[in-house]
């Protein structure tokens, strides 16, 4: 079953918001990022994979090609996932 959560982050002085859908497989977790049309072209891929806690990579995109915007998206997702894993 897919799960959906929202992310917020600041980029070049403006607040950005998006939705992230999550699909787990036995091998990795896939995050699909949906952003507003005016900023989504700043992503080279809308899919992020995580094969281990704290490890996030954009699908089919070498890390050398990550833009500052893409890094902020990953940080926002990592923060959300990390907050959810804190034991209460």
PDB file of N, CA and C in Angstrom:
ATOM      1  N   UNK A   1       0.832  -1.164   0.000  1.00  0.00           N
ATOM      2  CA  UNK A   1       0.000   0.000   0.000  1.00  0.00           C
ATOM      3  C   UNK A   1       0.893   1.249   0.000  1.00  0.00           C
ATOM      4  N   UNK A   2       0.545   2.213  -0.801  1.00  0.00           N
ATOM      5  CA  UNK A   2       1.314   3.452  -0.871  1.00  0.00           C
ATOM      6  C   UNK A   2       0.917   4.382   0.269  1.00  0.00           C
ATOM      7  N   UNK A   3       1.865   5.188   0.676  1.00  0.00           N
ATOM      8  CA  UNK A   3       1.651   6.187   1.713  1.00  0.00           C
ATOM      9  C   UNK A   3       1.996   7.538   1.093  1.00  0.00           C
ATOM     10  N   UNK A   4       1.367   8.596   1.565  1.00  0.00           N
ATOM     11  CA  UNK A   4       1.624   9.939   1.043  1.00  0.00           C
ATOM     12  C   UNK A   4       1.908  10.876   2.208  1.00  0.00           C
ATOM     13  N   UNK A   5       2.894  11.756   2.025  1.00  0.00           N
ATOM     14  CA  UNK A   5       3.152  12.799   3.013  1.00  0.00           C
ATOM     15  C   UNK A   5       3.559  14.081   2.287  1.00  0.00           C
ATOM     16  N   UNK A   6       3.517  15.179   2.999  1.00  0.00           N
ATOM     17  CA  UNK A   6       3.899  16.462   2.412  1.00  0.00           C
ATOM     18  C   UNK A   6       5.269  16.880   2.928  1.00  0.00           C
ATOM     19  N   UNK A   7       5.962  17.665   2.101  1.00  0.00           N
ATOM     20  CA  UNK A   7       7.245  18.222   2.502  1.00  0.00           C
ATOM     21  C   UNK A   7       7.195  19.736   2.301  1.00  0.00           C
ATOM     22  N   UNK A   8       7.985  20.424   3.087  1.00  0.00           N
ATOM     23  CA  UNK A   8       8.170  21.873   2.954  1.00  0.00           C
ATOM     24  C   UNK A   8       9.642  22.164   3.147  1.00  0.00           C
ATOM     25  N   UNK A   9      10.156  23.095   2.360  1.00  0.00           N
ATOM     26  CA  UNK A   9      11.547  23.491   2.488  1.00  0.00           C
ATOM     27  C   UNK A   9      11.721  24.854   1.847  1.00  0.00           C
ATOM     28  N   UNK A  10      12.789  25.525   2.230  1.00  0.00           N
ATOM     29  CA  UNK A  10      13.079  26.843   1.692  1.00  0.00           C
ATOM     30  C   UNK A  10      14.131  26.716   0.599  1.00  0.00           C
ATOM     31  N   UNK A  11      13.909  27.441  -0.485  1.00  0.00           N
ATOM     32  CA  UNK A  11      14.889  27.456  -1.572  1.00  0.00           C
ATOM     33  C   UNK A  11      14.923  28.861  -2.157  1.00  0.00           C
ATOM     34  N   UNK A  12      16.088  29.440  -2.198  1.00  0.00           N
ATOM     35  CA  UNK A  12      16.324  30.810  -2.662  1.00  0.00           C
ATOM     36  C   UNK A  12      15.325  31.799  -2.061  1.00  0.00           C
ATOM     37  N   UNK A  13      15.097  31.648  -0.775  1.00  0.00           N
ATOM     38  CA  UNK A  13      14.270  32.599  -0.058  1.00  0.00           C
ATOM     39  C   UNK A  13      12.776  32.401  -0.153  1.00  0.00           C
ATOM     40  N   UNK A  14      12.333  31.383  -0.856  1.00  0.00           N
ATOM     41  CA  UNK A  14      10.885  31.146  -0.925  1.00  0.00           C
ATOM     42  C   UNK A  14      10.560  29.750  -0.409  1.00  0.00           C
ATOM     43  N   UNK A  15       9.417  29.642   0.208  1.00  0.00           N
ATOM     44  CA  UNK A  15       8.968  28.370   0.771  1.00  0.00           C
ATOM     45  C   UNK A  15       8.405  27.496  -0.349  1.00  0.00           C
ATOM     46  N   UNK A  16       8.854  26.245  -0.396  1.00  0.00           N
ATOM     47  CA  UNK A  16       8.389  25.282  -1.392  1.00  0.00           C
ATOM     48  C   UNK A  16       7.616  24.171  -0.686  1.00  0.00           C
ATOM     49  N   UNK A  17       6.626  23.636  -1.365  1.00  0.00           N
ATOM     50  CA  UNK A  17       5.811  22.562  -0.813  1.00  0.00           C
ATOM     51  C   UNK A  17       5.625  21.493  -1.879  1.00  0.00           C
ATOM     52  N   UNK A  18       5.482  20.261  -1.429  1.00  0.00           N
ATOM     53  CA  UNK A  18       5.239  19.173  -2.363  1.00  0.00           C
ATOM     54  C   UNK A  18       4.637  17.979  -1.668  1.00  0.00           C
ATOM     55  N   UNK A  19       4.174  17.054  -2.460  1.00  0.00           N
ATOM     56  CA  UNK A  19       3.657  15.787  -1.962  1.00  0.00           C
ATOM     57  C   UNK A  19       4.602  14.676  -2.369  1.00  0.00           C
ATOM     58  N   UNK A  20       4.742  13.700  -1.492  1.00  0.00           N
ATOM     59  CA  UNK A  20       5.622  12.568  -1.751  1.00  0.00           C
ATOM     60  C   UNK A  20       4.821  11.299  -1.520  1.00  0.00           C
ATOM     61  N   UNK A  21       4.775  10.439  -2.521  1.00  0.00           N
ATOM     62  CA  UNK A  21       4.147   9.132  -2.341  1.00  0.00           C
ATOM     63  C   UNK A  21       5.253   8.109  -2.120  1.00  0.00           C
ATOM     64  N   UNK A  22       4.961   7.128  -1.277  1.00  0.00           N
ATOM     65  CA  UNK A  22       5.961   6.141  -0.862  1.00  0.00           C
ATOM     66  C   UNK A  22       5.488   4.759  -1.245  1.00  0.00           C
ATOM     67  N   UNK A  23       6.360   4.003  -1.883  1.00  0.00           N
ATOM     68  CA  UNK A  23       6.071   2.619  -2.236  1.00  0.00           C
ATOM     69  C   UNK A  23       7.230   1.760  -1.761  1.00  0.00           C
ATOM     70  N   UNK A  24       6.953   0.816  -0.882  1.00  0.00           N
ATOM     71  CA  UNK A  24       8.009  -0.077  -0.373  1.00  0.00           C
ATOM     72  C   UNK A  24       8.050  -1.355  -1.195  1.00  0.00           C
ATOM     73  N   UNK A  25       9.272  -1.820  -1.448  1.00  0.00           N
ATOM     74  CA  UNK A  25       9.497  -3.116  -2.073  1.00  0.00           C
ATOM     75  C   UNK A  25      10.418  -3.892  -1.142  1.00  0.00           C
ATOM     76  N   UNK A  26      10.644  -5.161  -1.405  1.00  0.00           N
ATOM     77  CA  UNK A  26      11.581  -5.910  -0.550  1.00  0.00           C
ATOM     78  C   UNK A  26      13.023  -5.383  -0.622  1.00  0.00           C
ATOM     79  N   UNK A  27      13.357  -4.623  -1.656  1.00  0.00           N
ATOM     80  CA  UNK A  27      14.734  -4.210  -1.876  1.00  0.00           C
ATOM     81  C   UNK A  27      15.007  -2.734  -1.592  1.00  0.00           C
ATOM     82  N   UNK A  28      14.005  -1.893  -1.718  1.00  0.00           N
ATOM     83  CA  UNK A  28      14.191  -0.461  -1.511  1.00  0.00           C
ATOM     84  C   UNK A  28      12.837   0.198  -1.273  1.00  0.00           C
ATOM     85  N   UNK A  29      12.913   1.465  -0.883  1.00  0.00           N
ATOM     86  CA  UNK A  29      11.721   2.291  -0.768  1.00  0.00           C
ATOM     87  C   UNK A  29      11.802   3.348  -1.855  1.00  0.00           C
ATOM     88  N   UNK A  30      10.717   3.508  -2.595  1.00  0.00           N
ATOM     89  CA  UNK A  30      10.669   4.493  -3.676  1.00  0.00           C
ATOM     90  C   UNK A  30       9.811   5.666  -3.244  1.00  0.00           C
ATOM     91  N   UNK A  31      10.341   6.867  -3.434  1.00  0.00           N
ATOM     92  CA  UNK A  31       9.628   8.106  -3.135  1.00  0.00           C
ATOM     93  C   UNK A  31       9.381   8.827  -4.456  1.00  0.00           C
ATOM     94  N   UNK A  32       8.141   9.157  -4.743  1.00  0.00           N
ATOM     95  CA  UNK A  32       7.799   9.910  -5.952  1.00  0.00           C
ATOM     96  C   UNK A  32       7.408  11.314  -5.526  1.00  0.00           C
ATOM     97  N   UNK A  33       8.138  12.301  -6.019  1.00  0.00           N
ATOM     98  CA  UNK A  33       7.965  13.683  -5.596  1.00  0.00           C
ATOM     99  C   UNK A  33       7.076  14.430  -6.591  1.00  0.00           C
ATOM    100  N   UNK A  34       6.056  15.099  -6.068  1.00  0.00           N
ATOM    101  CA  UNK A  34       5.174  15.947  -6.882  1.00  0.00           C
ATOM    102  C   UNK A  34       5.299  17.378  -6.377  1.00  0.00           C
ATOM    103  N   UNK A  35       5.749  18.265  -7.254  1.00  0.00           N
ATOM    104  CA  UNK A  35       5.928  19.669  -6.914  1.00  0.00           C
ATOM    105  C   UNK A  35       5.118  20.543  -7.864  1.00  0.00           C
ATOM    106  N   UNK A  36       5.012  21.831  -7.533  1.00  0.00           N
ATOM    107  CA  UNK A  36       4.333  22.775  -8.406  1.00  0.00           C
ATOM    108  C   UNK A  36       5.046  22.849  -9.756  1.00  0.00           C
ATOM    109  N   UNK A  37       4.271  23.110 -10.803  1.00  0.00           N
ATOM    110  CA  UNK A  37       4.817  23.146 -12.156  1.00  0.00           C
ATOM    111  C   UNK A  37       5.982  24.123 -12.318  1.00  0.00           C
ATOM    112  N   UNK A  38       5.959  25.236 -11.597  1.00  0.00           N
ATOM    113  CA  UNK A  38       7.002  26.240 -11.781  1.00  0.00           C
ATOM    114  C   UNK A  38       8.364  25.817 -11.228  1.00  0.00           C
ATOM    115  N   UNK A  39       8.423  24.779 -10.405  1.00  0.00           N
ATOM    116  CA  UNK A  39       9.722  24.323  -9.877  1.00  0.00           C
ATOM    117  C   UNK A  39      10.039  22.867 -10.206  1.00  0.00           C
ATOM    118  N   UNK A  40       9.073  22.117 -10.671  1.00  0.00           N
ATOM    119  CA  UNK A  40       9.363  20.692 -10.884  1.00  0.00           C
ATOM    120  C   UNK A  40      10.377  20.442 -11.990  1.00  0.00           C
ATOM    121  N   UNK A  41      10.569  21.399 -12.893  1.00  0.00           N
ATOM    122  CA  UNK A  41      11.596  21.210 -13.926  1.00  0.00           C
ATOM    123  C   UNK A  41      13.005  21.332 -13.356  1.00  0.00           C
ATOM    124  N   UNK A  42      13.119  21.759 -12.093  1.00  0.00           N
ATOM    125  CA  UNK A  42      14.421  21.814 -11.431  1.00  0.00           C
ATOM    126  C   UNK A  42      14.891  20.428 -10.975  1.00  0.00           C
ATOM    127  N   UNK A  43      14.007  19.437 -11.053  1.00  0.00           N
ATOM    128  CA  UNK A  43      14.373  18.061 -10.707  1.00  0.00           C
ATOM    129  C   UNK A  43      14.747  17.310 -11.976  1.00  0.00           C
ATOM    130  N   UNK A  44      15.846  16.600 -11.943  1.00  0.00           N
ATOM    131  CA  UNK A  44      16.231  15.771 -13.088  1.00  0.00           C
ATOM    132  C   UNK A  44      15.487  14.444 -13.071  1.00  0.00           C
ATOM    133  N   UNK A  45      14.922  14.096 -11.921  1.00  0.00           N
ATOM    134  CA  UNK A  45      14.117  12.885 -11.759  1.00  0.00           C
ATOM    135  C   UNK A  45      13.109  13.155 -10.645  1.00  0.00           C
ATOM    136  N   UNK A  46      11.933  12.594 -10.774  1.00  0.00           N
ATOM    137  CA  UNK A  46      10.918  12.748  -9.729  1.00  0.00           C
ATOM    138  C   UNK A  46      10.911  11.561  -8.775  1.00  0.00           C
ATOM    139  N   UNK A  47      11.780  10.578  -9.017  1.00  0.00           N
ATOM    140  CA  UNK A  47      11.833   9.391  -8.165  1.00  0.00           C
ATOM    141  C   UNK A  47      13.133   9.355  -7.374  1.00  0.00           C
ATOM    142  N   UNK A  48      12.976   9.054  -6.090  1.00  0.00           N
ATOM    143  CA  UNK A  48      14.108   8.913  -5.184  1.00  0.00           C
ATOM    144  C   UNK A  48      14.037   7.516  -4.587  1.00  0.00           C
ATOM    145  N   UNK A  49      15.175   6.834  -4.536  1.00  0.00           N
ATOM    146  CA  UNK A  49      15.228   5.495  -3.968  1.00  0.00           C
ATOM    147  C   UNK A  49      16.027   5.521  -2.675  1.00  0.00           C
ATOM    148  N   UNK A  50      15.610   4.666  -1.738  1.00  0.00           N
ATOM    149  CA  UNK A  50      16.344   4.497  -0.488  1.00  0.00           C
ATOM    150  C   UNK A  50      16.489   3.004  -0.231  1.00  0.00           C
ATOM    151  N   UNK A  51      17.735   2.538  -0.206  1.00  0.00           N
ATOM    152  CA  UNK A  51      17.982   1.113   0.035  1.00  0.00           C
ATOM    153  C   UNK A  51      18.415   0.846   1.469  1.00  0.00           C
ATOM    154  N   UNK A  52      18.674   1.924   2.225  1.00  0.00           N
ATOM    155  CA  UNK A  52      19.083   1.811   3.626  1.00  0.00           C
ATOM    156  C   UNK A  52      18.703   3.107   4.332  1.00  0.00           C
ATOM    157  N   UNK A  53      18.507   3.060   5.640  1.00  0.00           N
ATOM    158  CA  UNK A  53      18.167   4.285   6.371  1.00  0.00           C
ATOM    159  C   UNK A  53      19.205   5.388   6.136  1.00  0.00           C
ATOM    160  N   UNK A  54      18.720   6.577   5.825  1.00  0.00           N
ATOM    161  CA  UNK A  54      19.603   7.716   5.599  1.00  0.00           C
ATOM    162  C   UNK A  54      20.269   7.766   4.241  1.00  0.00           C
ATOM    163  N   UNK A  55      19.959   6.841   3.359  1.00  0.00           N
ATOM    164  CA  UNK A  55      20.577   6.775   2.028  1.00  0.00           C
ATOM    165  C   UNK A  55      19.501   7.048   0.976  1.00  0.00           C
ATOM    166  N   UNK A  56      19.578   8.194   0.320  1.00  0.00           N
ATOM    167  CA  UNK A  56      18.585   8.597  -0.672  1.00  0.00           C
ATOM    168  C   UNK A  56      19.291   8.997  -1.953  1.00  0.00           C
ATOM    169  N   UNK A  57      18.827   8.476  -3.094  1.00  0.00           N
ATOM    170  CA  UNK A  57      19.407   8.835  -4.386  1.00  0.00           C
ATOM    171  C   UNK A  57      18.288   9.029  -5.404  1.00  0.00           C
ATOM    172  N   UNK A  58      18.475  10.008  -6.278  1.00  0.00           N
ATOM    173  CA  UNK A  58      17.537  10.206  -7.376  1.00  0.00           C
ATOM    174  C   UNK A  58      17.763   9.118  -8.418  1.00  0.00           C
ATOM    175  N   UNK A  59      16.689   8.558  -8.917  1.00  0.00           N
ATOM    176  CA  UNK A  59      16.750   7.490  -9.907  1.00  0.00           C
ATOM    177  C   UNK A  59      17.381   8.008 -11.204  1.00  0.00           C
ATOM    178  N   UNK A  60      18.330   7.261 -11.735  1.00  0.00           N
ATOM    179  CA  UNK A  60      18.999   7.548 -13.014  1.00  0.00           C
ATOM    180  C   UNK A  60      19.681   8.917 -13.043  1.00  0.00           C
ATOM    181  N   UNK A  61      20.165   9.382 -11.897  1.00  0.00           N
ATOM    182  CA  UNK A  61      20.829  10.681 -11.844  1.00  0.00           C
ATOM    183  C   UNK A  61      22.109  10.543 -11.031  1.00  0.00           C
ATOM    184  N   UNK A  62      23.268  10.805 -11.648  1.00  0.00           N
ATOM    185  CA  UNK A  62      24.514  10.724 -10.878  1.00  0.00           C
ATOM    186  C   UNK A  62      24.565  11.838  -9.830  1.00  0.00           C
ATOM    187  N   UNK A  63      25.166  11.534  -8.689  1.00  0.00           N
ATOM    188  CA  UNK A  63      25.225  12.516  -7.600  1.00  0.00           C
ATOM    189  C   UNK A  63      25.917  13.807  -8.034  1.00  0.00           C
ATOM    190  N   UNK A  64      26.837  13.744  -8.964  1.00  0.00           N
ATOM    191  CA  UNK A  64      27.521  14.946  -9.437  1.00  0.00           C
ATOM    192  C   UNK A  64      26.560  15.903 -10.136  1.00  0.00           C
ATOM    193  N   UNK A  65      25.425  15.392 -10.605  1.00  0.00           N
ATOM    194  CA  UNK A  65      24.455  16.221 -11.321  1.00  0.00           C
ATOM    195  C   UNK A  65      23.394  16.826 -10.395  1.00  0.00           C
ATOM    196  N   UNK A  66      23.409  16.477  -9.119  1.00  0.00           N
ATOM    197  CA  UNK A  66      22.416  17.013  -8.180  1.00  0.00           C
ATOM    198  C   UNK A  66      22.570  18.526  -8.075  1.00  0.00           C
ATOM    199  N   UNK A  67      21.468  19.217  -8.206  1.00  0.00           N
ATOM    200  CA  UNK A  67      21.447  20.666  -8.046  1.00  0.00           C
ATOM    201  C   UNK A  67      21.175  20.996  -6.579  1.00  0.00           C
ATOM    202  N   UNK A  68      21.423  22.220  -6.170  1.00  0.00           N
ATOM    203  CA  UNK A  68      21.069  22.603  -4.799  1.00  0.00           C
ATOM    204  C   UNK A  68      19.584  22.358  -4.495  1.00  0.00           C
ATOM    205  N   UNK A  69      18.730  22.565  -5.473  1.00  0.00           N
ATOM    206  CA  UNK A  69      17.301  22.313  -5.287  1.00  0.00           C
ATOM    207  C   UNK A  69      17.042  20.834  -4.995  1.00  0.00           C
ATOM    208  N   UNK A  70      17.674  19.949  -5.748  1.00  0.00           N
ATOM    209  CA  UNK A  70      17.502  18.510  -5.548  1.00  0.00           C
ATOM    210  C   UNK A  70      17.994  18.093  -4.161  1.00  0.00           C
ATOM    211  N   UNK A  71      19.090  18.699  -3.723  1.00  0.00           N
ATOM    212  CA  UNK A  71      19.624  18.387  -2.393  1.00  0.00           C
ATOM    213  C   UNK A  71      18.642  18.817  -1.301  1.00  0.00           C
ATOM    214  N   UNK A  72      17.956  19.930  -1.498  1.00  0.00           N
ATOM    215  CA  UNK A  72      16.964  20.386  -0.523  1.00  0.00           C
ATOM    216  C   UNK A  72      15.769  19.438  -0.482  1.00  0.00           C
ATOM    217  N   UNK A  73      15.369  18.915  -1.625  1.00  0.00           N
ATOM    218  CA  UNK A  73      14.267  17.945  -1.672  1.00  0.00           C
ATOM    219  C   UNK A  73      14.650  16.697  -0.882  1.00  0.00           C
ATOM    220  N   UNK A  74      15.848  16.195  -1.093  1.00  0.00           N
ATOM    221  CA  UNK A  74      16.310  15.012  -0.365  1.00  0.00           C
ATOM    222  C   UNK A  74      16.363  15.294   1.135  1.00  0.00           C
ATOM    223  N   UNK A  75      16.866  16.464   1.523  1.00  0.00           N
ATOM    224  CA  UNK A  75      16.923  16.804   2.946  1.00  0.00           C
ATOM    225  C   UNK A  75      15.522  16.842   3.561  1.00  0.00           C
ATOM    226  N   UNK A  76      14.552  17.381   2.835  1.00  0.00           N
ATOM    227  CA  UNK A  76      13.179  17.456   3.355  1.00  0.00           C
ATOM    228  C   UNK A  76      12.592  16.063   3.533  1.00  0.00           C
ATOM    229  N   UNK A  77      12.829  15.173   2.585  1.00  0.00           N
ATOM    230  CA  UNK A  77      12.334  13.799   2.697  1.00  0.00           C
ATOM    231  C   UNK A  77      13.050  13.075   3.833  1.00  0.00           C
ATOM    232  N   UNK A  78      14.369  13.212   3.907  1.00  0.00           N
ATOM    233  CA  UNK A  78      15.139  12.556   4.967  1.00  0.00           C
ATOM    234  C   UNK A  78      14.677  13.028   6.336  1.00  0.00           C
ATOM    235  N   UNK A  79      14.407  14.314   6.482  1.00  0.00           N
ATOM    236  CA  UNK A  79      13.937  14.846   7.755  1.00  0.00           C
ATOM    237  C   UNK A  79      12.595  14.216   8.128  1.00  0.00           C
ATOM    238  N   UNK A  80      11.680  14.146   7.172  1.00  0.00           N
ATOM    239  CA  UNK A  80      10.365  13.561   7.444  1.00  0.00           C
ATOM    240  C   UNK A  80      10.497  12.095   7.858  1.00  0.00           C
ATOM    241  N   UNK A  81      11.284  11.337   7.127  1.00  0.00           N
ATOM    242  CA  UNK A  81      11.459   9.916   7.416  1.00  0.00           C
ATOM    243  C   UNK A  81      12.135   9.742   8.774  1.00  0.00           C
ATOM    244  N   UNK A  82      13.142  10.556   9.076  1.00  0.00           N
ATOM    245  CA  UNK A  82      13.849  10.463  10.341  1.00  0.00           C
ATOM    246  C   UNK A  82      12.932  10.777  11.519  1.00  0.00           C
ATOM    247  N   UNK A  83      12.097  11.786  11.389  1.00  0.00           N
ATOM    248  CA  UNK A  83      11.162  12.163  12.452  1.00  0.00           C
ATOM    249  C   UNK A  83      10.176  11.024  12.724  1.00  0.00           C
ATOM    250  N   UNK A  84       9.749  10.350  11.681  1.00  0.00           N
ATOM    251  CA  UNK A  84       8.791   9.245  11.859  1.00  0.00           C
ATOM    252  C   UNK A  84       9.403   8.044  12.537  1.00  0.00           C
ATOM    253  N   UNK A  85      10.730   7.893  12.474  1.00  0.00           N
ATOM    254  CA  UNK A  85      11.373   6.721  13.056  1.00  0.00           C
ATOM    255  C   UNK A  85      11.790   6.916  14.511  1.00  0.00           C
ATOM    256  N   UNK A  86      11.558   8.099  15.054  1.00  0.00           N
ATOM    257  CA  UNK A  86      11.922   8.351  16.450  1.00  0.00           C
ATOM    258  C   UNK A  86      10.955   7.596  17.355  1.00  0.00           C
ATOM    259  N   UNK A  87      11.476   6.758  18.269  1.00  0.00           N
ATOM    260  CA  UNK A  87      10.564   6.011  19.157  1.00  0.00           C
ATOM    261  C   UNK A  87       9.906   6.951  20.166  1.00  0.00           C
ATOM    262  N   UNK A  88       8.648   6.689  20.454  1.00  0.00           N
ATOM    263  CA  UNK A  88       7.899   7.520  21.394  1.00  0.00           C
ATOM    264  C   UNK A  88       7.752   6.825  22.710  1.00  0.00           C
TER     265      UNK A  88
END
